[in-house]
């Protein structure tokens, strides 16, 4: 009588005819197992199941029962029932249980990608972001003048700014950088300065910038390369600067001043006049209610209304003839009336009415007075604490409480940003 085997994985009875070289293949569940008492061996290469098949190896795994050949021929595989192998070797995982586990794993992965990752925007398993908290950020130091300089000699004034460098959210250093006036890209970066140093950048004309440390030591840098230049020992804290031809005069809080040649640091009989405070901002008048601009033919005036709400009034005159007048929808800011005549545009910064802390940049056609643009400036306190701006030869550069920005003087479109 032939002997039947029970598949240890699904419980189906198999004949000994399924045994080939000591290995048994279950045609129902796809499992392979070894019979006999010898230690499990790898199956012959010709009998290696496909990747989809589950291979289960047992040491002594089959049970035999005797039936007659008629019963064997009449045998039909019963529905598989969960069974536990009686093998003393390794325990097989039922196929149904394995399928359930794989399904749960797939659901978990789907939940992760659809919900957790998409909502947070971060992948905790992405090792490329493990040092994200230590990334470097560069921000503009607020309250420091932005200096127009000639950094690359292209005829467009560039910008020198004092930046603070943060690593992991903490300020580590400061650094003077020059920014291309046309593109907003960094041209040069100066040497690192300790973050704890109390300093303010000082504008020294088109070709130089500098800063003073608390011990009165004053450092000068060339605008083209920001390489360290002369170091001067001043008598006291620097308060004012006057720029002359190839020289600057530095005034200190003790009431004295000294003229120097920035390129060498040597004293000079500098006849520069018109001292400006070191924290003065270009184009930002203080408590002035009238700005006047003249060209070969015309006189342009920007003034605040003398009575009532100080809304801005703009006019253009040629001799005694008034060519045009216009009332703007903005009023004078708390610090005065910054205005710039650039090319064919007269640009004015005003405060939104009645929200005094919101500033607008308004551009007018200088020939007709027609409004070309009205853009809200970034920085909620720009109209209160001040903004400065100038024509760099191509763009309108505006420096406010929330950064420095460049605008197209015809369309008012923002071209670049430093924050």
Protein backbone atom coordinates (compact mmCIF):
# COMPACT_ATOMS: atom_id res chain seq x y z
CA UNK A 1 0.00 0.00 0.00
CA UNK A 2 1.43 3.43 -0.84
CA UNK A 3 1.88 5.86 1.99
CA UNK A 4 0.41 9.38 2.03
CA UNK A 5 2.09 12.48 3.35
CA UNK A 6 0.50 15.49 5.04
CA UNK A 7 1.78 18.91 3.94
CA UNK A 8 2.92 20.59 7.19
CA UNK A 9 1.94 24.01 5.81
CA UNK A 10 -1.64 23.59 4.50
CA UNK A 11 -2.57 20.06 5.69
CA UNK A 12 -3.28 18.57 2.28
CA UNK A 13 -2.53 14.88 1.95
CA UNK A 14 0.12 13.99 -0.62
CA UNK A 15 1.26 10.61 -2.02
CA UNK A 16 4.79 9.36 -1.75
CA UNK A 17 4.97 9.67 -5.49
CA UNK A 18 5.42 13.45 -4.83
CA UNK A 19 8.75 12.65 -3.20
CA UNK A 20 11.72 13.34 -5.47
CA UNK A 21 15.18 12.80 -4.09
CA UNK A 22 14.01 13.21 -0.50
CA UNK A 23 12.11 16.47 -1.23
CA UNK A 24 8.32 16.87 -1.45
CA UNK A 25 6.54 19.62 -3.38
CA UNK A 26 2.97 20.54 -2.40
CA UNK A 27 1.11 21.43 -5.57
CA UNK A 28 -1.63 23.16 -3.59
CA UNK A 29 0.24 25.77 -1.51
CA UNK A 30 3.61 25.66 -3.27
CA UNK A 31 5.61 24.70 -0.16
CA UNK A 32 8.67 22.46 -0.37
CA UNK A 33 9.86 20.29 2.49
CA UNK A 34 12.34 17.48 3.06
CA UNK A 35 11.51 14.06 4.45
CA UNK A 36 13.74 11.85 6.43
CA UNK A 37 15.78 12.38 9.56
CA UNK A 38 18.80 14.05 8.05
CA UNK A 39 19.51 17.72 8.57
CA UNK A 40 17.85 19.97 5.97
CA UNK A 41 19.81 20.38 2.77
CA UNK A 42 19.36 22.84 -0.05
CA UNK A 43 17.27 21.37 -2.89
CA UNK A 44 18.94 20.48 -6.17
CA UNK A 45 19.24 23.41 -8.59
CA UNK A 46 16.67 21.90 -10.95
CA UNK A 47 14.07 21.81 -8.18
CA UNK A 48 14.49 25.43 -6.88
CA UNK A 49 10.96 26.88 -6.76
CA UNK A 50 10.03 30.16 -8.37
CA UNK A 51 10.34 33.37 -6.26
CA UNK A 52 6.61 33.33 -5.71
CA UNK A 53 6.76 29.91 -4.01
CA UNK A 54 7.21 29.66 -0.28
CA UNK A 55 9.96 27.23 0.73
CA UNK A 56 9.59 25.50 4.09
CA UNK A 57 12.24 23.00 5.21
CA UNK A 58 11.69 20.37 7.88
CA UNK A 59 13.91 17.72 9.37
CA UNK A 60 11.43 14.87 9.92
CA UNK A 61 8.11 16.12 8.69
CA UNK A 62 5.88 13.59 7.09
CA UNK A 63 3.18 11.36 8.49
CA UNK A 64 2.24 8.13 6.75
CA UNK A 65 -1.05 6.35 6.68
CA UNK A 66 -2.01 3.34 4.63
CA UNK A 67 -4.93 3.42 2.20
CA UNK A 68 -5.71 1.18 -0.68
CA UNK A 69 -5.08 2.26 -4.23
CA UNK A 70 -8.81 2.84 -4.89
CA UNK A 71 -8.93 5.33 -2.04
CA UNK A 72 -5.81 6.99 -3.39
CA UNK A 73 -7.34 7.33 -6.87
CA UNK A 74 -10.59 8.69 -5.38
CA UNK A 75 -8.71 11.19 -3.25
CA UNK A 76 -9.54 14.87 -3.80
CA UNK A 77 -7.67 17.55 -1.85
CA UNK A 78 -9.75 18.84 1.04
CA UNK A 79 -10.07 22.58 1.75
CA UNK A 80 -6.91 23.66 3.53
CA UNK A 81 -7.23 24.07 7.27
CA UNK A 82 -4.83 26.00 9.51
CA UNK A 83 -2.55 23.37 10.98
CA UNK A 84 0.59 23.42 12.99
CA UNK A 85 3.46 21.26 11.85
CA UNK A 86 4.45 18.47 14.14
CA UNK A 87 8.04 18.95 13.08
CA UNK A 88 10.64 19.46 15.73
CA UNK A 89 12.58 21.64 13.27
CA UNK A 90 11.55 25.23 12.41
CA UNK A 91 7.90 26.30 12.50
CA UNK A 92 6.23 27.18 9.20
CA UNK A 93 4.12 30.33 8.86
CA UNK A 94 0.79 29.54 7.21
CA UNK A 95 0.39 31.11 3.80
CA UNK A 96 -2.83 32.89 4.78
CA UNK A 97 -1.12 34.45 7.81
CA UNK A 98 1.83 35.55 5.67
CA UNK A 99 -0.51 37.16 3.17
CA UNK A 100 -2.32 39.01 5.97
CA UNK A 101 0.96 40.31 7.38
CA UNK A 102 2.09 41.54 3.98
CA UNK A 103 -1.27 43.27 3.45
CA UNK A 104 -1.02 45.05 6.81
CA UNK A 105 2.55 46.12 5.99
CA UNK A 106 1.38 47.53 2.65
CA UNK A 107 -1.43 49.46 4.34
CA UNK A 108 1.04 50.89 6.85
CA UNK A 109 3.40 52.04 4.11
CA UNK A 110 0.52 53.63 2.21
CA UNK A 111 -0.65 55.53 5.33
CA UNK A 112 2.88 56.78 5.90
CA UNK A 113 3.37 58.12 2.39
CA UNK A 114 -0.15 59.51 1.90
CA UNK A 115 -0.71 61.11 5.28
CA UNK A 116 2.35 61.46 7.50
CA UNK A 117 4.93 62.34 4.85
CA UNK A 118 2.61 64.54 2.76
CA UNK A 119 1.33 66.49 5.76
CA UNK A 120 4.71 67.10 7.33
CA UNK A 121 6.68 67.50 4.12
CA UNK A 122 9.58 65.61 5.71
CA UNK A 123 10.73 62.02 5.36
CA UNK A 124 12.24 60.79 8.65
CA UNK A 125 13.87 57.92 6.80
CA UNK A 126 15.66 60.26 4.38
CA UNK A 127 19.22 60.31 5.73
CA UNK A 128 20.13 63.21 3.46
CA UNK A 129 18.14 65.48 5.82
CA UNK A 130 19.60 64.27 9.10
CA UNK A 131 21.72 67.42 9.42
CA UNK A 132 18.98 69.81 8.31
CA UNK A 133 18.84 71.49 11.71
CA UNK A 134 22.49 72.48 11.25
CA UNK A 135 21.98 74.20 7.90
CA UNK A 136 23.37 77.68 7.43
CA UNK A 137 21.05 80.64 7.06
CA UNK A 138 22.11 84.17 6.19
CA UNK A 139 19.96 87.12 7.24
CA UNK A 140 20.36 90.86 6.96
CA UNK A 141 21.21 92.70 10.17
CA UNK A 142 18.35 95.10 10.82
CA UNK A 143 19.01 98.75 11.60
CA UNK A 144 22.29 98.82 9.69
CA UNK A 145 22.80 101.08 6.67
CA UNK A 146 22.83 99.51 3.23
CA UNK A 147 25.71 101.00 1.26
CA UNK A 148 25.63 101.62 -2.50
CA UNK A 149 29.07 100.62 -3.82
CA UNK A 150 30.79 99.81 -7.08
CA UNK A 151 31.53 96.14 -6.61
CA UNK A 152 32.17 95.01 -10.18
CA UNK A 153 32.52 98.11 -12.36
CA UNK A 154 29.50 97.42 -14.61
CA UNK A 155 28.03 100.90 -14.20
CA UNK A 156 25.20 99.70 -11.94
CA UNK A 157 25.54 100.47 -8.24
CA UNK A 158 25.82 97.32 -6.16
CA UNK A 159 24.89 96.88 -2.50
CA UNK A 160 27.05 96.21 0.56
CA UNK A 161 25.15 94.73 3.50
CA UNK A 162 26.01 93.34 6.92
CA UNK A 163 24.69 89.78 7.25
CA UNK A 164 24.34 87.46 10.21
CA UNK A 165 25.03 83.75 9.79
CA UNK A 166 22.93 81.26 11.75
CA UNK A 167 23.68 77.57 12.22
CA UNK A 168 20.97 75.47 13.80
CA UNK A 169 19.00 78.66 14.51
CA UNK A 170 21.78 80.33 16.51
CA UNK A 171 23.87 83.24 15.26
CA UNK A 172 27.49 82.22 14.94
CA UNK A 173 29.12 84.97 12.88
CA UNK A 174 28.58 88.18 10.95
CA UNK A 175 29.89 89.07 7.55
CA UNK A 176 29.90 91.97 5.08
CA UNK A 177 28.77 90.94 1.60
CA UNK A 178 28.43 92.78 -1.68
CA UNK A 179 25.36 92.08 -3.82
CA UNK A 180 25.13 92.57 -7.58
CA UNK A 181 22.82 95.51 -8.23
CA UNK A 182 21.35 93.92 -11.36
CA UNK A 183 20.77 90.33 -10.26
CA UNK A 184 20.80 90.28 -6.46
CA UNK A 185 23.50 87.58 -6.46
CA UNK A 186 26.41 87.63 -4.01
CA UNK A 187 29.55 89.13 -5.52
CA UNK A 188 31.99 88.90 -2.61
CA UNK A 189 31.97 87.83 1.04
CA UNK A 190 34.25 89.42 3.61
CA UNK A 191 35.97 87.70 6.54
CA UNK A 192 33.84 86.32 9.35
CA UNK A 193 33.23 88.54 12.36
CA UNK A 194 32.42 87.18 15.82
CA UNK A 195 28.67 87.29 16.46
CA UNK A 196 29.05 88.89 19.89
CA UNK A 197 30.90 91.88 18.46
CA UNK A 198 28.77 95.03 18.62
CA UNK A 199 29.29 96.80 15.34
CA UNK A 200 27.56 98.80 12.64
CA UNK A 201 28.66 98.85 9.03
CA UNK A 202 29.80 102.27 7.80
CA UNK A 203 29.48 103.51 4.22
CA UNK A 204 32.72 105.12 2.96
CA UNK A 205 31.74 106.25 -0.54
CA UNK A 206 31.46 104.04 -3.61
CA UNK A 207 34.68 102.14 -3.09
CA UNK A 208 34.93 101.26 0.61
CA UNK A 209 32.98 100.06 3.63
CA UNK A 210 34.03 99.56 7.23
CA UNK A 211 32.97 98.80 10.78
CA UNK A 212 34.09 99.79 14.28
CA UNK A 213 34.51 97.47 17.26
CA UNK A 214 33.71 98.51 20.87
CA UNK A 215 37.41 99.15 21.55
CA UNK A 216 37.32 101.99 18.92
CA UNK A 217 39.23 99.86 16.41
CA UNK A 218 38.00 100.68 12.90
CA UNK A 219 38.34 98.19 10.01
CA UNK A 220 38.26 99.22 6.35
CA UNK A 221 37.44 96.97 3.36
CA UNK A 222 37.61 97.59 -0.39
CA UNK A 223 34.22 97.18 -2.08
CA UNK A 224 35.58 95.21 -5.04
CA UNK A 225 37.14 92.33 -3.11
CA UNK A 226 36.19 92.90 0.58
CA UNK A 227 39.75 92.00 1.47
CA UNK A 228 40.84 93.32 4.89
CA UNK A 229 42.40 96.76 4.56
CA UNK A 230 43.70 99.32 7.03
CA UNK A 231 42.86 99.06 10.74
CA UNK A 232 42.65 102.41 12.50
CA UNK A 233 42.72 103.21 16.22
CA UNK A 234 40.15 106.00 16.63
CA UNK A 235 39.94 108.22 19.69
CA UNK A 236 36.33 107.36 20.51
CA UNK A 237 33.10 105.93 19.14
CA UNK A 238 32.51 106.82 15.51
CA UNK A 239 29.41 108.99 15.05
CA UNK A 240 29.58 110.71 11.64
CA UNK A 241 31.23 110.26 8.26
CA UNK A 242 31.86 112.75 5.45
CA UNK A 243 32.97 111.52 2.03
CA UNK A 244 35.32 113.53 -0.19
CA UNK A 245 37.39 112.82 -3.27
CA UNK A 246 39.55 109.78 -2.49
CA UNK A 247 39.20 110.45 1.22
CA UNK A 248 36.77 110.32 4.15
CA UNK A 249 36.56 112.27 7.36
CA UNK A 250 35.60 110.36 10.48
CA UNK A 251 34.07 112.19 13.44
CA UNK A 252 33.98 110.62 16.90
CA UNK A 253 31.86 111.25 19.99
CA UNK A 254 34.66 113.19 21.73
CA UNK A 255 34.15 116.03 19.22
CA UNK A 256 37.25 115.40 17.11
CA UNK A 257 37.58 114.20 13.53
CA UNK A 258 40.32 112.78 11.34
CA UNK A 259 40.68 112.57 7.56
CA UNK A 260 42.02 109.35 6.04
CA UNK A 261 42.66 107.77 2.67
CA UNK A 262 40.61 104.51 2.87
CA UNK A 263 42.97 102.66 0.52
CA UNK A 264 45.97 103.12 2.80
CA UNK A 265 44.56 104.17 6.16
CA UNK A 266 46.98 107.10 6.28
CA UNK A 267 45.85 110.46 7.56
CA UNK A 268 44.77 112.95 4.91
CA UNK A 269 43.86 116.62 4.78
CA UNK A 270 40.39 115.63 3.64
CA UNK A 271 38.16 118.63 2.94
CA UNK A 272 35.00 116.54 2.85
CA UNK A 273 31.88 118.32 4.04
CA UNK A 274 28.33 117.34 4.84
CA UNK A 275 28.73 114.85 7.67
CA UNK A 276 26.15 112.06 7.86
CA UNK A 277 25.37 109.95 10.89
CA UNK A 278 26.83 106.46 10.54
CA UNK A 279 23.38 104.91 10.79
CA UNK A 280 21.86 107.32 8.25
CA UNK A 281 19.97 105.70 5.42
CA UNK A 282 20.39 106.91 1.88
CA UNK A 283 17.33 108.75 0.55
CA UNK A 284 15.56 108.85 3.91
CA UNK A 285 14.99 112.46 5.02
CA UNK A 286 13.97 113.17 8.57
CA UNK A 287 10.76 115.11 9.23
CA UNK A 288 10.77 116.87 5.86
CA UNK A 289 7.40 117.58 4.29
CA UNK A 290 8.63 118.72 0.85
CA UNK A 291 10.98 117.07 -1.65
CA UNK A 292 12.11 118.95 -4.76
CA UNK A 293 13.81 117.58 -7.89
CA UNK A 294 15.02 119.53 -10.88
CA UNK A 295 16.22 118.68 -14.36
CA UNK A 296 17.11 120.94 -17.28
CA UNK A 297 13.50 121.96 -17.90
CA UNK A 298 11.25 120.94 -15.02
CA UNK A 299 10.87 121.18 -11.27
CA UNK A 300 9.10 118.31 -9.47
CA UNK A 301 7.69 118.71 -5.97
CA UNK A 302 6.38 116.08 -3.58
CA UNK A 303 4.77 117.51 -0.47
CA UNK A 304 2.33 116.65 2.26
CA UNK A 305 -1.05 118.37 2.43
CA UNK A 306 -0.74 121.31 4.82
CA UNK A 307 -4.11 120.78 6.54
CA UNK A 308 -6.01 117.70 7.56
CA UNK A 309 -4.66 114.27 6.72
CA UNK A 310 -1.13 114.69 5.28
CA UNK A 311 -1.89 113.04 1.92
CA UNK A 312 0.85 113.48 -0.67
CA UNK A 313 0.56 115.98 -3.53
CA UNK A 314 2.86 115.87 -6.55
CA UNK A 315 3.37 118.55 -9.21
CA UNK A 316 5.56 119.32 -12.22
CA UNK A 317 6.36 122.89 -13.29
CA UNK A 318 8.27 124.50 -16.12
CA UNK A 319 8.99 128.11 -15.24
CA UNK A 320 5.72 129.53 -13.95
CA UNK A 321 3.61 126.98 -15.80
CA UNK A 322 2.25 123.95 -14.01
CA UNK A 323 2.31 120.98 -16.36
CA UNK A 324 0.46 118.58 -14.09
CA UNK A 325 -0.66 118.01 -10.51
CA UNK A 326 -1.70 114.79 -8.82
CA UNK A 327 -3.02 113.73 -5.41
CA UNK A 328 -1.77 110.32 -4.29
CA UNK A 329 -3.72 107.73 -2.32
CA UNK A 330 -0.93 107.55 0.26
CA UNK A 331 0.12 109.97 2.96
CA UNK A 332 3.46 111.11 4.31
CA UNK A 333 5.29 108.54 6.41
CA UNK A 334 6.19 109.29 10.00
CA UNK A 335 9.82 110.00 9.10
CA UNK A 336 9.36 112.23 6.05
CA UNK A 337 8.94 111.89 2.28
CA UNK A 338 11.48 109.65 0.53
CA UNK A 339 11.33 110.29 -3.22
CA UNK A 340 13.63 109.50 -6.15
CA UNK A 341 13.68 110.78 -9.72
CA UNK A 342 14.94 107.92 -11.88
CA UNK A 343 14.85 107.97 -15.65
CA UNK A 344 11.28 108.70 -16.72
CA UNK A 345 9.80 107.78 -13.33
CA UNK A 346 9.23 109.79 -10.17
CA UNK A 347 9.06 107.27 -7.31
CA UNK A 348 7.67 108.04 -3.85
CA UNK A 349 7.30 106.04 -0.64
CA UNK A 350 4.11 106.79 1.31
CA UNK A 351 2.02 105.31 4.11
CA UNK A 352 -1.30 103.60 3.52
CA UNK A 353 -4.28 105.49 4.94
CA UNK A 354 -5.43 104.89 7.62
CA UNK A 355 -2.91 102.08 8.34
CA UNK A 356 0.19 104.10 9.18
CA UNK A 357 2.46 101.06 9.46
CA UNK A 358 1.98 99.84 5.86
CA UNK A 359 4.18 101.45 3.21
CA UNK A 360 3.67 101.72 -0.55
CA UNK A 361 6.06 102.47 -3.39
CA UNK A 362 4.30 104.60 -6.01
CA UNK A 363 5.76 105.31 -9.45
CA UNK A 364 4.57 108.21 -11.65
CA UNK A 365 5.35 109.05 -15.26
CA UNK A 366 7.41 112.22 -14.93
CA UNK A 367 6.04 113.59 -18.20
CA UNK A 368 2.31 113.17 -17.54
CA UNK A 369 1.92 112.35 -13.84
CA UNK A 370 0.14 109.11 -14.74
CA UNK A 371 0.50 106.36 -12.14
CA UNK A 372 2.66 103.51 -13.39
CA UNK A 373 2.56 101.27 -10.32
CA UNK A 374 1.60 101.10 -6.66
CA UNK A 375 3.17 98.20 -4.75
CA UNK A 376 2.98 97.43 -1.05
CA UNK A 377 6.43 97.20 0.51
CA UNK A 378 7.36 94.23 2.63
CA UNK A 379 7.79 94.91 6.34
CA UNK A 380 4.93 95.87 8.60
CA UNK A 381 6.76 98.82 10.18
CA UNK A 382 8.55 100.21 7.11
CA UNK A 383 6.34 103.31 7.04
CA UNK A 384 6.85 103.92 10.76
CA UNK A 385 10.54 103.25 11.34
CA UNK A 386 11.89 104.18 7.96
CA UNK A 387 12.87 103.01 4.51
CA UNK A 388 15.52 104.32 2.19
CA UNK A 389 15.85 103.92 -1.53
CA UNK A 390 17.87 105.08 -4.49
CA UNK A 391 18.35 104.64 -8.22
CA UNK A 392 21.27 102.29 -8.84
CA UNK A 393 21.42 103.08 -12.55
CA UNK A 394 18.97 100.39 -13.56
CA UNK A 395 16.64 99.55 -10.66
CA UNK A 396 15.01 101.18 -7.65
CA UNK A 397 16.66 99.76 -4.53
CA UNK A 398 14.52 99.96 -1.38
CA UNK A 399 15.89 99.12 2.07
CA UNK A 400 13.30 98.81 4.83
CA UNK A 401 12.63 97.08 8.11
CA UNK A 402 12.25 93.65 6.53
CA UNK A 403 15.10 93.57 4.03
CA UNK A 404 16.39 95.19 0.84
CA UNK A 405 14.52 94.89 -2.45
CA UNK A 406 15.01 96.00 -6.06
CA UNK A 407 12.12 97.05 -8.31
CA UNK A 408 11.79 97.76 -12.00
CA UNK A 409 11.28 101.58 -12.26
CA UNK A 410 8.79 101.21 -15.13
CA UNK A 411 6.59 98.28 -14.07
CA UNK A 412 7.18 98.13 -10.31
CA UNK A 413 7.99 94.40 -10.56
CA UNK A 414 10.26 93.06 -7.82
CA UNK A 415 13.57 91.89 -9.32
CA UNK A 416 15.57 90.64 -6.31
CA UNK A 417 15.43 90.42 -2.54
CA UNK A 418 17.94 90.40 0.34
CA UNK A 419 16.57 89.44 3.77
